[in-house]
Protein backbone atom coordinates (compact mmCIF):
# COMPACT_ATOMS: atom_id res chain seq x y z
CA MET A 1 20.39 -3.88 10.59
CA ARG A 2 20.32 -7.38 11.68
CA GLU A 3 20.44 -10.24 9.63
CA GLU A 4 17.01 -11.42 10.54
CA GLU A 5 15.90 -7.92 9.55
CA ILE A 6 17.14 -7.65 6.10
CA LYS A 7 15.34 -11.30 5.23
CA ARG A 8 12.05 -9.91 6.84
CA LYS A 9 12.43 -6.78 4.69
CA ARG A 10 13.04 -8.43 1.33
CA THR A 11 10.56 -11.12 2.33
CA GLU A 12 8.15 -8.18 2.33
CA SER A 13 9.44 -6.29 -0.38
CA ARG A 14 9.03 -9.75 -2.86
CA LEU A 15 5.64 -10.35 -1.53
CA VAL A 16 4.55 -6.52 -2.63
CA GLU A 17 5.66 -7.43 -5.93
CA LEU A 18 4.12 -10.96 -5.94
CA ILE A 19 0.39 -10.70 -4.69
CA PRO A 20 -0.78 -8.19 -7.29
CA GLU A 21 0.69 -10.45 -9.64
CA ALA A 22 -1.29 -13.62 -8.23
CA LEU A 23 -4.48 -10.88 -8.40
CA SER A 24 -4.15 -9.84 -11.62
CA SER A 25 -4.16 -13.65 -12.92
CA MET A 26 -7.82 -14.25 -11.37
CA ASN A 27 -10.67 -13.49 -12.75
CA ASP A 28 -12.37 -11.73 -10.59
CA GLY A 29 -12.95 -7.90 -10.88
CA ARG A 30 -13.54 -7.16 -7.25
CA ILE A 31 -9.74 -7.95 -6.38
CA ASN A 32 -7.36 -8.13 -9.67
CA GLY A 33 -7.44 -4.89 -9.72
CA LEU A 34 -6.27 -4.00 -6.49
CA SER A 35 -2.83 -2.40 -5.89
CA VAL A 36 -0.33 -3.23 -2.71
CA THR A 37 0.94 -0.10 -0.98
CA GLU A 38 2.80 -2.06 1.51
CA VAL A 39 3.58 -5.81 3.27
CA VAL A 40 4.47 -6.04 7.08
CA CYS A 41 5.52 -9.60 8.17
CA SER A 42 5.49 -10.85 11.42
CA ARG A 43 9.05 -11.65 12.77
CA GLY A 44 9.17 -15.47 12.15
CA ARG A 45 7.68 -14.36 8.53
CA TYR A 46 4.89 -16.84 9.38
CA ASP A 47 1.99 -14.07 9.14
CA ALA A 48 1.71 -11.23 6.72
CA LYS A 49 -0.31 -8.11 6.79
CA VAL A 50 -0.97 -6.97 3.63
CA TYR A 51 -2.48 -3.27 3.30
CA LEU A 52 -4.56 -2.35 -0.17
CA ASP A 53 -4.96 1.15 -1.76
CA LYS A 54 -8.57 2.17 -1.49
CA SER A 55 -8.97 5.04 -3.33
CA TYR A 56 -11.41 3.82 -5.88
CA LEU A 57 -13.60 1.42 -3.36
CA ASP A 58 -16.40 2.70 -1.74
CA GLU A 59 -16.98 1.13 1.75
CA LYS A 60 -19.60 -1.75 0.33
CA GLU A 61 -16.75 -2.66 -2.43
CA GLN A 62 -14.04 -3.16 0.08
CA GLY A 63 -16.30 -5.03 2.43
CA GLU A 64 -16.77 -7.37 -0.59
CA ALA A 65 -13.23 -7.23 -1.57
CA LEU A 66 -11.64 -8.41 1.80
CA LYS A 67 -14.41 -11.33 1.93
CA GLN A 68 -13.06 -12.56 -1.43
CA LEU A 69 -9.40 -12.05 -0.48
CA ARG A 70 -9.88 -13.99 2.67
CA ALA A 71 -11.18 -16.86 0.32
CA VAL A 72 -8.21 -16.55 -2.10
CA SER A 73 -5.67 -16.24 0.29
CA GLY A 74 -5.25 -20.36 0.10
CA PHE A 75 -4.23 -19.57 -3.77
CA LEU A 76 -2.27 -16.39 -2.98
CA SER A 77 -0.35 -18.91 -0.39
CA THR A 78 0.15 -21.42 -3.16
CA TYR A 79 1.13 -19.18 -5.98
CA VAL A 80 3.97 -17.36 -3.96
CA ARG A 81 5.39 -20.50 -2.47
CA GLU A 82 5.62 -21.73 -6.19
CA SER A 83 6.96 -18.89 -7.96
CA GLU A 84 9.98 -18.28 -5.21
CA GLY A 85 10.24 -21.76 -4.36
CA TRP A 86 9.49 -21.15 -0.97
CA PHE A 87 8.66 -24.27 1.72
CA LYS A 88 6.13 -21.99 3.42
CA SER A 89 4.58 -18.92 3.03
CA PRO A 90 3.38 -16.25 5.40
CA LYS A 91 -0.69 -16.29 6.46
CA PHE A 92 -2.09 -13.72 4.89
CA THR A 93 -4.63 -10.78 6.19
CA PHE A 94 -5.90 -8.27 4.21
CA GLU A 95 -6.60 -4.26 5.13
CA PHE A 96 -7.16 -1.14 3.52
CA ASP A 97 -4.38 1.73 3.73
CA ASN A 98 -5.84 4.47 5.45
CA GLN A 99 -2.37 6.11 5.76
CA LEU A 100 -3.19 8.50 2.91
CA GLU A 101 -6.28 9.54 4.75
CA GLU A 102 -3.86 9.91 8.02
CA ILE A 103 -1.51 12.23 5.74
CA SER A 104 -4.12 14.31 4.62
CA LYS A 105 -5.79 15.30 8.10
CA ILE A 106 -1.74 16.26 9.09
CA GLU A 107 -1.39 18.60 6.01
CA ALA A 108 -4.90 20.40 7.14
CA LEU A 109 -3.41 20.81 10.47
CA PHE A 110 -0.51 21.90 9.20
CA LYS A 111 -1.95 24.45 6.80
CA GLU A 112 -4.32 25.31 9.71
CA ILE A 113 -1.22 26.10 12.21
CA GLY A 114 0.40 27.99 8.98
CA LYS A 115 -2.82 30.15 8.94
CA ARG A 116 -3.08 31.15 12.32
CA HIS A 117 0.58 31.73 12.42
CA GLY A 118 0.60 33.69 9.32
CA ASP A 119 -2.24 35.86 10.95
CA THR A 120 -0.14 36.57 14.16
CA ASP A 121 2.82 37.92 12.00
CA THR A 122 0.50 40.16 9.85
CA LYS A 123 -0.65 41.51 13.50
CA ASP A 124 2.78 41.97 14.83
CA GLU A 125 3.88 43.91 11.65
CA ASP A 126 0.98 46.18 11.95
CA LYS A 127 1.80 47.24 15.21
CA PRO A 128 3.80 50.45 15.61
CA SER A 129 7.48 50.04 16.53
CA GLU A 130 8.42 51.31 19.87
CA SER A 131 11.74 53.08 19.22
């Protein structure tokens, strides 16, 4: 891993800790309980895509939360800069993480494949062997 990649990973790791800390200090119930699942910074660390856990929110609440997060992104940038002593903070964009849904879809596919494979195994065992 190159030095630039290490710095980017370190920044991402630190932002995963700082953003929920900043959100929890706010008085807005729509966003102060959100948990960050991942942060992905651009190569120059000018932009950061923040992935949030959506397991407790319906679609309407997700939309409201994203709208509010866009409104407070300046506060988040200031919080991050001041707490870390950074000269600049990345520009934040927020998305809800669909990774858990994708994982469950893949697991369901594997179960289906396993059932089909298991059915063919039992059919093969039922056949008399030709000796």
